[in-house]
Amino acid sequence: MTGKELMYIEDALGHEKFMKCVTNKVTATVSDANLSKFLNDAVERHNEMYNKFLNLL
């Protein structure tokens, strides 16, 4: 893996971690059940993407 590819993966990991963290925080403050479910699904998707990028290393 080249240095440029490694930097891309590290950047993508950072973005996915940030999105997961932000979505978790918002989910805790939302009272609407449908929106909460949507946000929980988004947390799972970001977690899956994080793990996929992590597995590339």
Protein backbone atom coordinates (compact mmCIF):
# COMPACT_ATOMS: atom_id res chain seq x y z
CA MET A 1 0.00 0.00 0.00
CA THR A 2 1.36 3.39 -0.94
CA GLY A 3 1.67 6.28 1.45
CA LYS A 4 -1.05 8.15 -0.41
CA GLU A 5 -3.46 5.21 -0.09
CA LEU A 6 -2.69 4.92 3.61
CA MET A 7 -3.39 8.63 4.10
CA TYR A 8 -6.73 8.21 2.30
CA ILE A 9 -7.74 5.31 4.54
CA GLU A 10 -6.71 7.17 7.69
CA ASP A 11 -8.73 10.19 6.54
CA ALA A 12 -11.76 8.01 5.80
CA LEU A 13 -11.46 6.36 9.23
CA GLY A 14 -11.45 9.78 10.86
CA HIS A 15 -14.55 10.87 8.94
CA GLU A 16 -16.46 7.70 9.78
CA LYS A 17 -15.51 7.95 13.46
CA PHE A 18 -16.63 11.59 13.53
CA MET A 19 -19.96 10.83 11.83
CA LYS A 20 -20.63 7.92 14.17
CA CYS A 21 -19.88 10.09 17.20
CA VAL A 22 -22.03 13.02 16.04
CA THR A 23 -24.92 10.77 15.06
CA ASN A 24 -24.80 9.04 18.46
CA LYS A 25 -24.97 12.40 20.24
CA VAL A 26 -27.91 13.61 18.17
CA THR A 27 -29.76 10.32 18.59
CA ALA A 28 -29.68 10.77 22.37
CA THR A 29 -31.45 14.14 22.11
CA VAL A 30 -34.14 13.30 19.54
CA SER A 31 -37.62 12.51 20.75
CA ASP A 32 -39.18 11.51 17.41
CA ALA A 33 -39.19 7.71 17.11
CA ASN A 34 -38.83 7.62 13.32
CA LEU A 35 -35.93 10.05 13.33
CA SER A 36 -34.30 8.15 16.17
CA LYS A 37 -34.54 4.89 14.20
CA PHE A 38 -33.09 6.59 11.12
CA LEU A 39 -30.18 7.94 13.15
CA ASN A 40 -29.54 4.55 14.78
CA ASP A 41 -29.42 3.02 11.31
CA ALA A 42 -26.95 5.73 10.27
CA VAL A 43 -24.76 4.91 13.29
CA GLU A 44 -24.71 1.27 12.22
CA ARG A 45 -23.84 2.17 8.61
CA HIS A 46 -20.98 4.41 9.74
CA ASN A 47 -19.76 1.70 12.09
CA GLU A 48 -19.77 -0.83 9.24
CA MET A 49 -17.88 1.57 6.97
CA TYR A 50 -15.36 2.27 9.74
CA ASN A 51 -14.75 -1.46 10.16
CA LYS A 52 -14.40 -1.98 6.40
CA PHE A 53 -11.77 0.77 6.17
CA LEU A 54 -10.02 -0.58 9.25
CA ASN A 55 -9.85 -4.04 7.69
CA LEU A 56 -7.99 -2.58 4.72
CA LEU A 57 -5.07 -1.96 7.02
